[in-house]
Amino acid sequence: MKRLTRQGAKACLVIHNTAAASYPFSVVQSSNGGVKLHLDTGAIPVPAGHSGWVTEETGKKMLAAAGKDGSLLEQARHHGFKPQSLDIRISRPLKVKQVYNSP
Protein backbone atom coordinates (compact mmCIF):
# COMPACT_ATOMS: atom_id res chain seq x y z
CA MET A 1 0.00 0.00 0.00
CA LYS A 2 2.98 2.36 0.34
CA ARG A 3 3.09 2.73 -3.43
CA LEU A 4 -0.57 3.75 -3.47
CA THR A 5 0.01 6.37 -0.80
CA ARG A 6 3.05 7.80 -2.59
CA GLN A 7 0.96 8.13 -5.76
CA GLY A 8 -1.75 10.02 -3.90
CA ALA A 9 -4.36 7.28 -3.62
CA LYS A 10 -7.40 8.24 -1.61
CA ALA A 11 -9.13 4.89 -2.03
CA CYS A 12 -8.46 1.28 -2.82
CA LEU A 13 -10.98 -1.04 -4.47
CA VAL A 14 -10.33 -4.74 -4.98
CA ILE A 15 -11.94 -6.14 -8.13
CA HIS A 16 -13.17 -9.56 -7.05
CA ASN A 17 -12.51 -12.47 -9.40
CA THR A 18 -14.41 -15.59 -8.30
CA ALA A 19 -12.13 -18.05 -10.10
CA ALA A 20 -8.94 -16.56 -8.66
CA ALA A 21 -10.38 -16.19 -5.16
CA SER A 22 -12.04 -19.63 -5.18
CA TYR A 23 -15.16 -18.19 -3.54
CA PRO A 24 -18.09 -16.14 -4.85
CA PHE A 25 -18.60 -12.43 -4.26
CA SER A 26 -21.47 -13.28 -1.89
CA VAL A 27 -18.82 -14.39 0.64
CA VAL A 28 -17.34 -10.88 0.57
CA GLN A 29 -20.81 -9.36 0.93
CA SER A 30 -21.71 -11.46 3.95
CA SER A 31 -18.34 -11.12 5.69
CA ASN A 32 -18.52 -9.25 8.97
CA GLY A 33 -14.80 -8.78 9.36
CA GLY A 34 -14.69 -5.04 8.75
CA VAL A 35 -12.21 -3.13 6.63
CA LYS A 36 -8.86 -4.85 6.33
CA LEU A 37 -7.31 -2.49 3.78
CA HIS A 38 -5.05 0.29 4.99
CA LEU A 39 -3.04 3.02 3.32
CA ASP A 40 0.44 2.99 4.80
CA THR A 41 1.40 6.58 5.56
CA GLY A 42 4.71 5.71 7.17
CA ALA A 43 5.15 4.57 10.73
CA ILE A 44 1.45 4.05 11.44
CA PRO A 45 -0.88 2.49 8.86
CA VAL A 46 -4.26 4.21 8.82
CA PRO A 47 -7.52 2.94 7.32
CA ALA A 48 -8.05 4.06 3.74
CA GLY A 49 -10.63 6.79 3.32
CA HIS A 50 -12.64 4.52 1.08
CA SER A 51 -11.82 0.89 0.56
CA GLY A 52 -13.62 -2.27 -0.33
CA TRP A 53 -14.48 -4.75 -3.02
CA VAL A 54 -16.44 -4.60 -6.26
CA THR A 55 -17.57 -7.40 -8.54
CA GLU A 56 -15.61 -8.09 -11.69
CA GLU A 57 -18.60 -6.84 -13.71
CA THR A 58 -18.53 -3.53 -11.83
CA GLY A 59 -14.76 -3.36 -12.22
CA LYS A 60 -15.12 -3.73 -16.00
CA LYS A 61 -17.70 -0.93 -16.03
CA MET A 62 -15.27 1.29 -14.14
CA LEU A 63 -12.51 0.46 -16.62
CA ALA A 64 -14.85 1.26 -19.53
CA ALA A 65 -15.70 4.62 -17.94
CA ALA A 66 -11.95 5.33 -17.87
CA GLY A 67 -11.57 4.38 -21.53
CA LYS A 68 -9.86 1.06 -20.74
CA ASP A 69 -10.93 -2.46 -21.59
CA GLY A 70 -11.01 -5.73 -19.65
CA SER A 71 -7.55 -6.69 -20.87
CA LEU A 72 -6.17 -4.55 -18.05
CA LEU A 73 -7.57 -7.10 -15.57
CA GLU A 74 -5.70 -9.89 -17.39
CA GLN A 75 -2.49 -7.86 -17.33
CA ALA A 76 -2.92 -7.29 -13.58
CA ARG A 77 -2.68 -11.04 -12.97
CA HIS A 78 0.96 -11.10 -14.07
CA HIS A 79 4.09 -10.29 -12.10
CA GLY A 80 5.46 -6.85 -12.91
CA PHE A 81 2.09 -5.22 -13.57
CA LYS A 82 2.28 -1.50 -12.92
CA PRO A 83 -0.77 0.21 -11.34
CA GLN A 84 -2.55 2.69 -13.55
CA SER A 85 -4.66 5.62 -12.52
CA LEU A 86 -8.14 5.40 -13.96
CA ASP A 87 -8.62 9.14 -13.45
CA ILE A 88 -12.33 8.76 -12.80
CA ARG A 89 -14.59 9.98 -10.02
CA ILE A 90 -16.90 7.60 -8.28
CA SER A 91 -19.80 8.78 -6.20
CA ARG A 92 -22.22 6.77 -4.17
CA PRO A 93 -24.59 7.82 -1.40
CA LEU A 94 -23.58 6.37 1.95
CA LYS A 95 -25.48 5.89 5.17
CA VAL A 96 -23.31 6.86 8.10
CA LYS A 97 -23.88 5.66 11.63
CA GLN A 98 -21.83 7.15 14.42
CA VAL A 99 -21.27 4.92 17.42
CA TYR A 100 -20.02 6.21 20.75
CA ASN A 101 -18.39 3.92 23.26
CA SER A 102 -18.94 4.84 26.88
CA PRO A 103 -15.79 4.99 29.06
PDB file of N, CA and C in Angstrom:
ATOM      1  N   MET A   1       0.807  -1.196   0.000  1.00  0.00           N
ATOM      2  CA  MET A   1       0.000   0.000   0.000  1.00  0.00           C
ATOM      3  C   MET A   1       0.856   1.269   0.000  1.00  0.00           C
ATOM      4  N   LYS A   2       2.131   1.168   0.350  1.00  0.00           N
ATOM      5  CA  LYS A   2       2.975   2.360   0.344  1.00  0.00           C
ATOM      6  C   LYS A   2       2.997   3.004  -1.035  1.00  0.00           C
ATOM      7  N   ARG A   3       3.055   2.191  -2.070  1.00  0.00           N
ATOM      8  CA  ARG A   3       3.086   2.727  -3.429  1.00  0.00           C
ATOM      9  C   ARG A   3       1.824   3.540  -3.705  1.00  0.00           C
ATOM     10  N   LEU A   4       0.684   3.030  -3.265  1.00  0.00           N
ATOM     11  CA  LEU A   4      -0.575   3.750  -3.468  1.00  0.00           C
ATOM     12  C   LEU A   4      -0.540   5.101  -2.785  1.00  0.00           C
ATOM     13  N   THR A   5      -0.061   5.129  -1.559  1.00  0.00           N
ATOM     14  CA  THR A   5       0.006   6.368  -0.802  1.00  0.00           C
ATOM     15  C   THR A   5       0.926   7.367  -1.487  1.00  0.00           C
ATOM     16  N   ARG A   6       2.097   6.899  -1.926  1.00  0.00           N
ATOM     17  CA  ARG A   6       3.049   7.797  -2.595  1.00  0.00           C
ATOM     18  C   ARG A   6       2.454   8.389  -3.866  1.00  0.00           C
ATOM     19  N   GLN A   7       1.565   7.654  -4.526  1.00  0.00           N
ATOM     20  CA  GLN A   7       0.964   8.131  -5.761  1.00  0.00           C
ATOM     21  C   GLN A   7      -0.314   8.925  -5.510  1.00  0.00           C
ATOM     22  N   GLY A   8      -0.622   9.169  -4.242  1.00  0.00           N
ATOM     23  CA  GLY A   8      -1.751  10.023  -3.904  1.00  0.00           C
ATOM     24  C   GLY A   8      -3.093   9.324  -3.829  1.00  0.00           C
ATOM     25  N   ALA A   9      -3.094   8.013  -3.677  1.00  0.00           N
ATOM     26  CA  ALA A   9      -4.359   7.279  -3.619  1.00  0.00           C
ATOM     27  C   ALA A   9      -5.189   7.721  -2.426  1.00  0.00           C
ATOM     28  N   LYS A  10      -6.460   7.903  -2.672  1.00  0.00           N
ATOM     29  CA  LYS A  10      -7.401   8.243  -1.614  1.00  0.00           C
ATOM     30  C   LYS A  10      -8.328   7.077  -1.331  1.00  0.00           C
ATOM     31  N   ALA A  11      -8.256   6.052  -2.177  1.00  0.00           N
ATOM     32  CA  ALA A  11      -9.131   4.891  -2.029  1.00  0.00           C
ATOM     33  C   ALA A  11      -8.465   3.675  -2.652  1.00  0.00           C
ATOM     34  N   CYS A  12      -8.943   2.530  -2.255  1.00  0.00           N
ATOM     35  CA  CYS A  12      -8.461   1.278  -2.817  1.00  0.00           C
ATOM     36  C   CYS A  12      -9.654   0.342  -2.986  1.00  0.00           C
ATOM     37  N   LEU A  13      -9.898  -0.103  -4.206  1.00  0.00           N
ATOM     38  CA  LEU A  13     -10.977  -1.042  -4.470  1.00  0.00           C
ATOM     39  C   LEU A  13     -10.378  -2.321  -5.049  1.00  0.00           C
ATOM     40  N   VAL A  14     -10.745  -3.442  -4.473  1.00  0.00           N
ATOM     41  CA  VAL A  14     -10.331  -4.742  -4.980  1.00  0.00           C
ATOM     42  C   VAL A  14     -11.409  -5.215  -5.944  1.00  0.00           C
ATOM     43  N   ILE A  15     -10.993  -5.586  -7.159  1.00  0.00           N
ATOM     44  CA  ILE A  15     -11.937  -6.140  -8.127  1.00  0.00           C
ATOM     45  C   ILE A  15     -11.948  -7.646  -7.913  1.00  0.00           C
ATOM     46  N   HIS A  16     -13.056  -8.144  -7.412  1.00  0.00           N
ATOM     47  CA  HIS A  16     -13.167  -9.558  -7.049  1.00  0.00           C
ATOM     48  C   HIS A  16     -13.272 -10.436  -8.290  1.00  0.00           C
ATOM     49  N   ASN A  17     -12.456 -11.471  -8.327  1.00  0.00           N
ATOM     50  CA  ASN A  17     -12.506 -12.470  -9.396  1.00  0.00           C
ATOM     51  C   ASN A  17     -12.800 -13.806  -8.727  1.00  0.00           C
ATOM     52  N   THR A  18     -13.977 -14.357  -8.971  1.00  0.00           N
ATOM     53  CA  THR A  18     -14.412 -15.586  -8.303  1.00  0.00           C
ATOM     54  C   THR A  18     -13.465 -16.746  -8.549  1.00  0.00           C
ATOM     55  N   ALA A  19     -13.018 -16.929  -9.791  1.00  0.00           N
ATOM     56  CA  ALA A  19     -12.125 -18.053 -10.102  1.00  0.00           C
ATOM     57  C   ALA A  19     -10.804 -17.935  -9.343  1.00  0.00           C
ATOM     58  N   ALA A  20     -10.222 -16.755  -9.339  1.00  0.00           N
ATOM     59  CA  ALA A  20      -8.938 -16.560  -8.657  1.00  0.00           C
ATOM     60  C   ALA A  20      -9.072 -16.675  -7.146  1.00  0.00           C
ATOM     61  N   ALA A  21     -10.177 -16.172  -6.603  1.00  0.00           N
ATOM     62  CA  ALA A  21     -10.382 -16.189  -5.156  1.00  0.00           C
ATOM     63  C   ALA A  21     -10.862 -17.546  -4.653  1.00  0.00           C
ATOM     64  N   SER A  22     -11.467 -18.325  -5.524  1.00  0.00           N
ATOM     65  CA  SER A  22     -12.045 -19.632  -5.179  1.00  0.00           C
ATOM     66  C   SER A  22     -13.267 -19.520  -4.275  1.00  0.00           C
ATOM     67  N   TYR A  23     -13.900 -18.361  -4.257  1.00  0.00           N
ATOM     68  CA  TYR A  23     -15.162 -18.193  -3.540  1.00  0.00           C
ATOM     69  C   TYR A  23     -15.940 -17.074  -4.222  1.00  0.00           C
ATOM     70  N   PRO A  24     -17.276 -17.141  -4.176  1.00  0.00           N
ATOM     71  CA  PRO A  24     -18.090 -16.141  -4.854  1.00  0.00           C
ATOM     72  C   PRO A  24     -18.102 -14.797  -4.128  1.00  0.00           C
ATOM     73  N   PHE A  25     -18.527 -13.765  -4.830  1.00  0.00           N
ATOM     74  CA  PHE A  25     -18.599 -12.426  -4.260  1.00  0.00           C
ATOM     75  C   PHE A  25     -19.541 -12.378  -3.061  1.00  0.00           C
ATOM     76  N   SER A  26     -20.524 -13.269  -3.018  1.00  0.00           N
ATOM     77  CA  SER A  26     -21.465 -13.285  -1.893  1.00  0.00           C
ATOM     78  C   SER A  26     -20.745 -13.513  -0.561  1.00  0.00           C
ATOM     79  N   VAL A  27     -19.600 -14.190  -0.590  1.00  0.00           N
ATOM     80  CA  VAL A  27     -18.816 -14.387   0.638  1.00  0.00           C
ATOM     81  C   VAL A  27     -18.284 -13.037   1.124  1.00  0.00           C
ATOM     82  N   VAL A  28     -17.821 -12.214   0.206  1.00  0.00           N
ATOM     83  CA  VAL A  28     -17.336 -10.876   0.567  1.00  0.00           C
ATOM     84  C   VAL A  28     -18.487 -10.058   1.137  1.00  0.00           C
ATOM     85  N   GLN A  29     -19.650 -10.136   0.493  1.00  0.00           N
ATOM     86  CA  GLN A  29     -20.808  -9.360   0.930  1.00  0.00           C
ATOM     87  C   GLN A  29     -21.270  -9.742   2.332  1.00  0.00           C
ATOM     88  N   SER A  30     -21.187 -11.021   2.664  1.00  0.00           N
ATOM     89  CA  SER A  30     -21.705 -11.462   3.954  1.00  0.00           C
ATOM     90  C   SER A  30     -20.641 -11.480   5.055  1.00  0.00           C
ATOM     91  N   SER A  31     -19.418 -11.145   4.708  1.00  0.00           N
ATOM     92  CA  SER A  31     -18.340 -11.125   5.694  1.00  0.00           C
ATOM     93  C   SER A  31     -18.577  -9.995   6.681  1.00  0.00           C
ATOM     94  N   ASN A  32     -18.344 -10.269   7.943  1.00  0.00           N
ATOM     95  CA  ASN A  32     -18.523  -9.253   8.970  1.00  0.00           C
ATOM     96  C   ASN A  32     -17.185  -8.903   9.604  1.00  0.00           C
ATOM     97  N   GLY A  33     -16.131  -9.005   8.808  1.00  0.00           N
ATOM     98  CA  GLY A  33     -14.802  -8.779   9.361  1.00  0.00           C
ATOM     99  C   GLY A  33     -14.358  -7.341   9.395  1.00  0.00           C
ATOM    100  N   GLY A  34     -15.090  -6.444   8.773  1.00  0.00           N
ATOM    101  CA  GLY A  34     -14.695  -5.043   8.749  1.00  0.00           C
ATOM    102  C   GLY A  34     -13.606  -4.783   7.726  1.00  0.00           C
ATOM    103  N   VAL A  35     -13.212  -3.528   7.609  1.00  0.00           N
ATOM    104  CA  VAL A  35     -12.206  -3.125   6.635  1.00  0.00           C
ATOM    105  C   VAL A  35     -10.846  -3.671   7.027  1.00  0.00           C
ATOM    106  N   LYS A  36     -10.184  -4.308   6.079  1.00  0.00           N
ATOM    107  CA  LYS A  36      -8.855  -4.851   6.326  1.00  0.00           C
ATOM    108  C   LYS A  36      -7.813  -4.199   5.421  1.00  0.00           C
ATOM    109  N   LEU A  37      -8.220  -3.196   4.657  1.00  0.00           N
ATOM    110  CA  LEU A  37      -7.307  -2.486   3.778  1.00  0.00           C
ATOM    111  C   LEU A  37      -6.863  -1.212   4.468  1.00  0.00           C
ATOM    112  N   HIS A  38      -5.580  -0.909   4.377  1.00  0.00           N
ATOM    113  CA  HIS A  38      -5.052   0.294   4.991  1.00  0.00           C
ATOM    114  C   HIS A  38      -4.077   0.960   4.042  1.00  0.00           C
ATOM    115  N   LEU A  39      -4.064   2.274   4.029  1.00  0.00           N
ATOM    116  CA  LEU A  39      -3.044   3.015   3.320  1.00  0.00           C
ATOM    117  C   LEU A  39      -1.911   3.249   4.302  1.00  0.00           C
ATOM    118  N   ASP A  40      -0.710   2.855   3.927  1.00  0.00           N
ATOM    119  CA  ASP A  40       0.443   2.990   4.796  1.00  0.00           C
ATOM    120  C   ASP A  40       1.042   4.381   4.614  1.00  0.00           C
ATOM    121  N   THR A  41       0.898   5.207   5.630  1.00  0.00           N
ATOM    122  CA  THR A  41       1.400   6.581   5.556  1.00  0.00           C
ATOM    123  C   THR A  41       2.773   6.721   6.201  1.00  0.00           C
ATOM    124  N   GLY A  42       3.393   5.646   6.539  1.00  0.00           N
ATOM    125  CA  GLY A  42       4.705   5.714   7.169  1.00  0.00           C
ATOM    126  C   GLY A  42       4.754   4.794   8.359  1.00  0.00           C
ATOM    127  N   ALA A  43       4.992   5.375   9.520  1.00  0.00           N
ATOM    128  CA  ALA A  43       5.153   4.572  10.727  1.00  0.00           C
ATOM    129  C   ALA A  43       3.848   3.899  11.151  1.00  0.00           C
ATOM    130  N   ILE A  44       2.722   4.587  10.955  1.00  0.00           N
ATOM    131  CA  ILE A  44       1.453   4.049  11.440  1.00  0.00           C
ATOM    132  C   ILE A  44       0.487   3.893  10.266  1.00  0.00           C
ATOM    133  N   PRO A  45       0.111   2.640   9.924  1.00  0.00           N
ATOM    134  CA  PRO A  45      -0.877   2.492   8.864  1.00  0.00           C
ATOM    135  C   PRO A  45      -2.241   2.972   9.335  1.00  0.00           C
ATOM    136  N   VAL A  46      -2.930   3.704   8.482  1.00  0.00           N
ATOM    137  CA  VAL A  46      -4.260   4.207   8.822  1.00  0.00           C
ATOM    138  C   VAL A  46      -5.267   3.646   7.828  1.00  0.00           C
ATOM    139  N   PRO A  47      -6.519   3.449   8.260  1.00  0.00           N
ATOM    140  CA  PRO A  47      -7.517   2.937   7.323  1.00  0.00           C
ATOM    141  C   PRO A  47      -7.684   3.865   6.121  1.00  0.00           C
ATOM    142  N   ALA A  48      -7.828   3.268   4.950  1.00  0.00           N
ATOM    143  CA  ALA A  48      -8.053   4.057   3.743  1.00  0.00           C
ATOM    144  C   ALA A  48      -9.359   4.818   3.874  1.00  0.00           C
ATOM    145  N   GLY A  49      -9.412   5.996   3.274  1.00  0.00           N
ATOM    146  CA  GLY A  49     -10.631   6.790   3.321  1.00  0.00           C
ATOM    147  C   GLY A  49     -11.811   6.017   2.770  1.00  0.00           C
ATOM    148  N   HIS A  50     -11.605   5.341   1.691  1.00  0.00           N
ATOM    149  CA  HIS A  50     -12.638   4.524   1.077  1.00  0.00           C
ATOM    150  C   HIS A  50     -11.952   3.259   0.570  1.00  0.00           C
ATOM    151  N   SER A  51     -12.416   2.138   1.012  1.00  0.00           N
ATOM    152  CA  SER A  51     -11.823   0.892   0.560  1.00  0.00           C
ATOM    153  C   SER A  51     -12.881  -0.193   0.559  1.00  0.00           C
ATOM    154  N   GLY A  52     -12.668  -1.174  -0.275  1.00  0.00           N
ATOM    155  CA  GLY A  52     -13.619  -2.266  -0.329  1.00  0.00           C
ATOM    156  C   GLY A  52     -13.468  -3.081  -1.594  1.00  0.00           C
ATOM    157  N   TRP A  53     -14.485  -3.845  -1.881  1.00  0.00           N
ATOM    158  CA  TRP A  53     -14.477  -4.754  -3.025  1.00  0.00           C
ATOM    159  C   TRP A  53     -15.609  -4.410  -3.971  1.00  0.00           C
ATOM    160  N   VAL A  54     -15.391  -4.688  -5.252  1.00  0.00           N
ATOM    161  CA  VAL A  54     -16.440  -4.602  -6.256  1.00  0.00           C
ATOM    162  C   VAL A  54     -16.403  -5.892  -7.072  1.00  0.00           C
ATOM    163  N   THR A  55     -17.533  -6.216  -7.686  1.00  0.00           N
ATOM    164  CA  THR A  55     -17.575  -7.400  -8.537  1.00  0.00           C
ATOM    165  C   THR A  55     -16.734  -7.151  -9.784  1.00  0.00           C
ATOM    166  N   GLU A  56     -16.388  -8.228 -10.457  1.00  0.00           N
ATOM    167  CA  GLU A  56     -15.615  -8.094 -11.690  1.00  0.00           C
ATOM    168  C   GLU A  56     -16.427  -7.322 -12.739  1.00  0.00           C
ATOM    169  N   GLU A  57     -17.735  -7.560 -12.773  1.00  0.00           N
ATOM    170  CA  GLU A  57     -18.601  -6.843 -13.708  1.00  0.00           C
ATOM    171  C   GLU A  57     -18.538  -5.337 -13.450  1.00  0.00           C
ATOM    172  N   THR A  58     -18.627  -4.940 -12.185  1.00  0.00           N
ATOM    173  CA  THR A  58     -18.534  -3.528 -11.833  1.00  0.00           C
ATOM    174  C   THR A  58     -17.151  -2.983 -12.159  1.00  0.00           C
ATOM    175  N   GLY A  59     -16.123  -3.773 -11.891  1.00  0.00           N
ATOM    176  CA  GLY A  59     -14.756  -3.364 -12.224  1.00  0.00           C
ATOM    177  C   GLY A  59     -14.597  -3.093 -13.707  1.00  0.00           C
ATOM    178  N   LYS A  60     -15.192  -3.935 -14.542  1.00  0.00           N
ATOM    179  CA  LYS A  60     -15.116  -3.734 -15.995  1.00  0.00           C
ATOM    180  C   LYS A  60     -15.854  -2.468 -16.413  1.00  0.00           C
ATOM    181  N   LYS A  61     -16.968  -2.163 -15.742  1.00  0.00           N
ATOM    182  CA  LYS A  61     -17.701  -0.930 -16.035  1.00  0.00           C
ATOM    183  C   LYS A  61     -16.851   0.292 -15.664  1.00  0.00           C
ATOM    184  N   MET A  62     -16.144   0.197 -14.550  1.00  0.00           N
ATOM    185  CA  MET A  62     -15.268   1.292 -14.137  1.00  0.00           C
ATOM    186  C   MET A  62     -14.146   1.483 -15.154  1.00  0.00           C
ATOM    187  N   LEU A  63     -13.573   0.378 -15.615  1.00  0.00           N
ATOM    188  CA  LEU A  63     -12.513   0.458 -16.622  1.00  0.00           C
ATOM    189  C   LEU A  63     -13.045   1.100 -17.903  1.00  0.00           C
ATOM    190  N   ALA A  64     -14.244   0.697 -18.323  1.00  0.00           N
ATOM    191  CA  ALA A  64     -14.846   1.261 -19.531  1.00  0.00           C
ATOM    192  C   ALA A  64     -15.056   2.768 -19.381  1.00  0.00           C
ATOM    193  N   ALA A  65     -15.486   3.191 -18.189  1.00  0.00           N
ATOM    194  CA  ALA A  65     -15.697   4.619 -17.939  1.00  0.00           C
ATOM    195  C   ALA A  65     -14.388   5.397 -18.042  1.00  0.00           C
ATOM    196  N   ALA A  66     -13.271   4.703 -17.793  1.00  0.00           N
ATOM    197  CA  ALA A  66     -11.954   5.333 -17.870  1.00  0.00           C
ATOM    198  C   ALA A  66     -11.326   5.165 -19.251  1.00  0.00           C
ATOM    199  N   GLY A  67     -12.091   4.573 -20.184  1.00  0.00           N
ATOM    200  CA  GLY A  67     -11.566   4.380 -21.533  1.00  0.00           C
ATOM    201  C   GLY A  67     -10.631   3.199 -21.661  1.00  0.00           C
ATOM    202  N   LYS A  68     -10.703   2.260 -20.716  1.00  0.00           N
ATOM    203  CA  LYS A  68      -9.858   1.057 -20.738  1.00  0.00           C
ATOM    204  C   LYS A  68     -10.753  -0.144 -21.034  1.00  0.00           C
ATOM    205  N   ASP A  69     -10.136  -1.251 -21.393  1.00  0.00           N
ATOM    206  CA  ASP A  69     -10.932  -2.460 -21.593  1.00  0.00           C
ATOM    207  C   ASP A  69     -10.545  -3.524 -20.578  1.00  0.00           C
ATOM    208  N   GLY A  70     -11.231  -4.655 -20.616  1.00  0.00           N
ATOM    209  CA  GLY A  70     -11.010  -5.728 -19.651  1.00  0.00           C
ATOM    210  C   GLY A  70      -9.641  -6.368 -19.722  1.00  0.00           C
ATOM    211  N   SER A  71      -8.886  -6.085 -20.771  1.00  0.00           N
ATOM    212  CA  SER A  71      -7.546  -6.686 -20.872  1.00  0.00           C
ATOM    213  C   SER A  71      -6.644  -6.200 -19.740  1.00  0.00           C
ATOM    214  N   LEU A  72      -6.959  -5.064 -19.175  1.00  0.00           N
ATOM    215  CA  LEU A  72      -6.168  -4.554 -18.051  1.00  0.00           C
ATOM    216  C   LEU A  72      -6.260  -5.504 -16.855  1.00  0.00           C
ATOM    217  N   LEU A  73      -7.425  -6.124 -16.657  1.00  0.00           N
ATOM    218  CA  LEU A  73      -7.575  -7.103 -15.575  1.00  0.00           C
ATOM    219  C   LEU A  73      -6.673  -8.310 -15.817  1.00  0.00           C
ATOM    220  N   GLU A  74      -6.580  -8.760 -17.052  1.00  0.00           N
ATOM    221  CA  GLU A  74      -5.700  -9.890 -17.391  1.00  0.00           C
ATOM    222  C   GLU A  74      -4.243  -9.510 -17.148  1.00  0.00           C
ATOM    223  N   GLN A  75      -3.862  -8.319 -17.545  1.00  0.00           N
ATOM    224  CA  GLN A  75      -2.489  -7.857 -17.330  1.00  0.00           C
ATOM    225  C   GLN A  75      -2.156  -7.801 -15.840  1.00  0.00           C
ATOM    226  N   ALA A  76      -3.143  -7.427 -15.019  1.00  0.00           N
ATOM    227  CA  ALA A  76      -2.918  -7.287 -13.578  1.00  0.00           C
ATOM    228  C   ALA A  76      -2.621  -8.615 -12.905  1.00  0.00           C
ATOM    229  N   ARG A  77      -2.929  -9.709 -13.550  1.00  0.00           N
ATOM    230  CA  ARG A  77      -2.681 -11.035 -12.966  1.00  0.00           C
ATOM    231  C   ARG A  77      -1.224 -11.468 -13.088  1.00  0.00           C
ATOM    232  N   HIS A  78      -0.424 -10.701 -13.807  1.00  0.00           N
ATOM    233  CA  HIS A  78       0.956 -11.104 -14.073  1.00  0.00           C
ATOM    234  C   HIS A  78       1.950 -10.269 -13.270  1.00  0.00           C
ATOM    235  N   HIS A  79       3.018 -10.942 -12.856  1.00  0.00           N
ATOM    236  CA  HIS A  79       4.088 -10.286 -12.101  1.00  0.00           C
ATOM    237  C   HIS A  79       4.637  -9.113 -12.913  1.00  0.00           C
ATOM    238  N   GLY A  80       4.906  -8.026 -12.249  1.00  0.00           N
ATOM    239  CA  GLY A  80       5.465  -6.853 -12.906  1.00  0.00           C
ATOM    240  C   GLY A  80       4.426  -5.859 -13.384  1.00  0.00           C
ATOM    241  N   PHE A  81       3.148  -6.157 -13.161  1.00  0.00           N
ATOM    242  CA  PHE A  81       2.094  -5.222 -13.571  1.00  0.00           C
ATOM    243  C   PHE A  81       2.263  -3.912 -12.821  1.00  0.00           C
ATOM    244  N   LYS A  82       2.157  -2.820 -13.523  1.00  0.00           N
ATOM    245  CA  LYS A  82       2.277  -1.499 -12.916  1.00  0.00           C
ATOM    246  C   LYS A  82       0.878  -0.890 -12.750  1.00  0.00           C
ATOM    247  N   PRO A  83       0.544  -0.420 -11.557  1.00  0.00           N
ATOM    248  CA  PRO A  83      -0.767   0.205 -11.340  1.00  0.00           C
ATOM    249  C   PRO A  83      -0.969   1.376 -12.287  1.00  0.00           C
ATOM    250  N   GLN A  84      -2.210   1.581 -12.662  1.00  0.00           N
ATOM    251  CA  GLN A  84      -2.547   2.687 -13.551  1.00  0.00           C
ATOM    252  C   GLN A  84      -3.697   3.480 -12.950  1.00  0.00           C
ATOM    253  N   SER A  85      -3.564   4.782 -12.998  1.00  0.00           N
ATOM    254  CA  SER A  85      -4.661   5.624 -12.524  1.00  0.00           C
ATOM    255  C   SER A  85      -5.786   5.566 -13.546  1.00  0.00           C
ATOM    256  N   LEU A  86      -6.998   5.391 -13.065  1.00  0.00           N
ATOM    257  CA  LEU A  86      -8.143   5.399 -13.962  1.00  0.00           C
ATOM    258  C   LEU A  86      -8.640   6.821 -14.196  1.00  0.00           C
ATOM    259  N   ASP A  87      -8.248   7.738 -13.328  1.00  0.00           N
ATOM    260  CA  ASP A  87      -8.619   9.140 -13.446  1.00  0.00           C
ATOM    261  C   ASP A  87     -10.123   9.303 -13.631  1.00  0.00           C
ATOM    262  N   ILE A  88     -10.875   8.624 -12.778  1.00  0.00           N
ATOM    263  CA  ILE A  88     -12.333   8.760 -12.797  1.00  0.00           C
ATOM    264  C   ILE A  88     -12.795   9.116 -11.388  1.00  0.00           C
ATOM    265  N   ARG A  89     -13.971   9.683 -11.313  1.00  0.00           N
ATOM    266  CA  ARG A  89     -14.592   9.984 -10.023  1.00  0.00           C
ATOM    267  C   ARG A  89     -15.728   9.008  -9.820  1.00  0.00           C
ATOM    268  N   ILE A  90     -15.833   8.513  -8.630  1.00  0.00           N
ATOM    269  CA  ILE A  90     -16.903   7.596  -8.276  1.00  0.00           C
ATOM    270  C   ILE A  90     -17.684   8.227  -7.142  1.00  0.00           C
ATOM    271  N   SER A  91     -18.989   8.258  -7.287  1.00  0.00           N
ATOM    272  CA  SER A  91     -19.801   8.782  -6.196  1.00  0.00           C
ATOM    273  C   SER A  91     -20.894   7.778  -5.887  1.00  0.00           C
ATOM    274  N   ARG A  92     -21.216   7.713  -4.636  1.00  0.00           N
ATOM    275  CA  ARG A  92     -22.222   6.772  -4.165  1.00  0.00           C
ATOM    276  C   ARG A  92     -22.752   7.295  -2.850  1.00  0.00           C
ATOM    277  N   PRO A  93     -24.075   7.393  -2.703  1.00  0.00           N
ATOM    278  CA  PRO A  93     -24.594   7.824  -1.402  1.00  0.00           C
ATOM    279  C   PRO A  93     -24.273   6.779  -0.325  1.00  0.00           C
ATOM    280  N   LEU A  94     -23.912   7.260   0.835  1.00  0.00           N
ATOM    281  CA  LEU A  94     -23.579   6.368   1.954  1.00  0.00           C
ATOM    282  C   LEU A  94     -24.434   6.702   3.161  1.00  0.00           C
ATOM    283  N   LYS A  95     -24.823   5.680   3.889  1.00  0.00           N
ATOM    284  CA  LYS A  95     -25.475   5.887   5.169  1.00  0.00           C
ATOM    285  C   LYS A  95     -24.381   5.811   6.227  1.00  0.00           C
ATOM    286  N   VAL A  96     -24.338   6.809   7.068  1.00  0.00           N
ATOM    287  CA  VAL A  96     -23.313   6.861   8.098  1.00  0.00           C
ATOM    288  C   VAL A  96     -23.963   6.718   9.461  1.00  0.00           C
ATOM    289  N   LYS A  97     -23.395   5.853  10.273  1.00  0.00           N
ATOM    290  CA  LYS A  97     -23.880   5.664  11.628  1.00  0.00           C
ATOM    291  C   LYS A  97     -22.707   5.920  12.563  1.00  0.00           C
ATOM    292  N   GLN A  98     -22.883   6.832  13.479  1.00  0.00           N
ATOM    293  CA  GLN A  98     -21.829   7.147  14.421  1.00  0.00           C
ATOM    294  C   GLN A  98     -22.112   6.418  15.721  1.00  0.00           C
ATOM    295  N   VAL A  99     -21.117   5.703  16.193  1.00  0.00           N
ATOM    296  CA  VAL A  99     -21.273   4.916  17.419  1.00  0.00           C
ATOM    297  C   VAL A  99     -20.308   5.471  18.470  1.00  0.00           C
ATOM    298  N   TYR A 100     -20.838   5.726  19.639  1.00  0.00           N
ATOM    299  CA  TYR A 100     -20.015   6.206  20.747  1.00  0.00           C
ATOM    300  C   TYR A 100     -19.870   5.086  21.761  1.00  0.00           C
ATOM    301  N   ASN A 101     -18.653   4.897  22.200  1.00  0.00           N
ATOM    302  CA  ASN A 101     -18.386   3.924  23.263  1.00  0.00           C
ATOM    303  C   ASN A 101     -18.270   4.650  24.577  1.00  0.00           C
ATOM    304  N   SER A 102     -19.001   4.215  25.562  1.00  0.00           N
ATOM    305  CA  SER A 102     -18.940   4.843  26.882  1.00  0.00           C
ATOM    306  C   SER A 102     -17.653   4.426  27.577  1.00  0.00           C
ATOM    307  N   PRO A 103     -17.039   5.338  28.309  1.00  0.00           N
ATOM    308  CA  PRO A 103     -15.794   4.987  29.062  1.00  0.00           C
ATOM    309  C   PRO A 103     -16.086   4.083  30.217  1.00  0.00           C
TER     310      PRO A 103
END
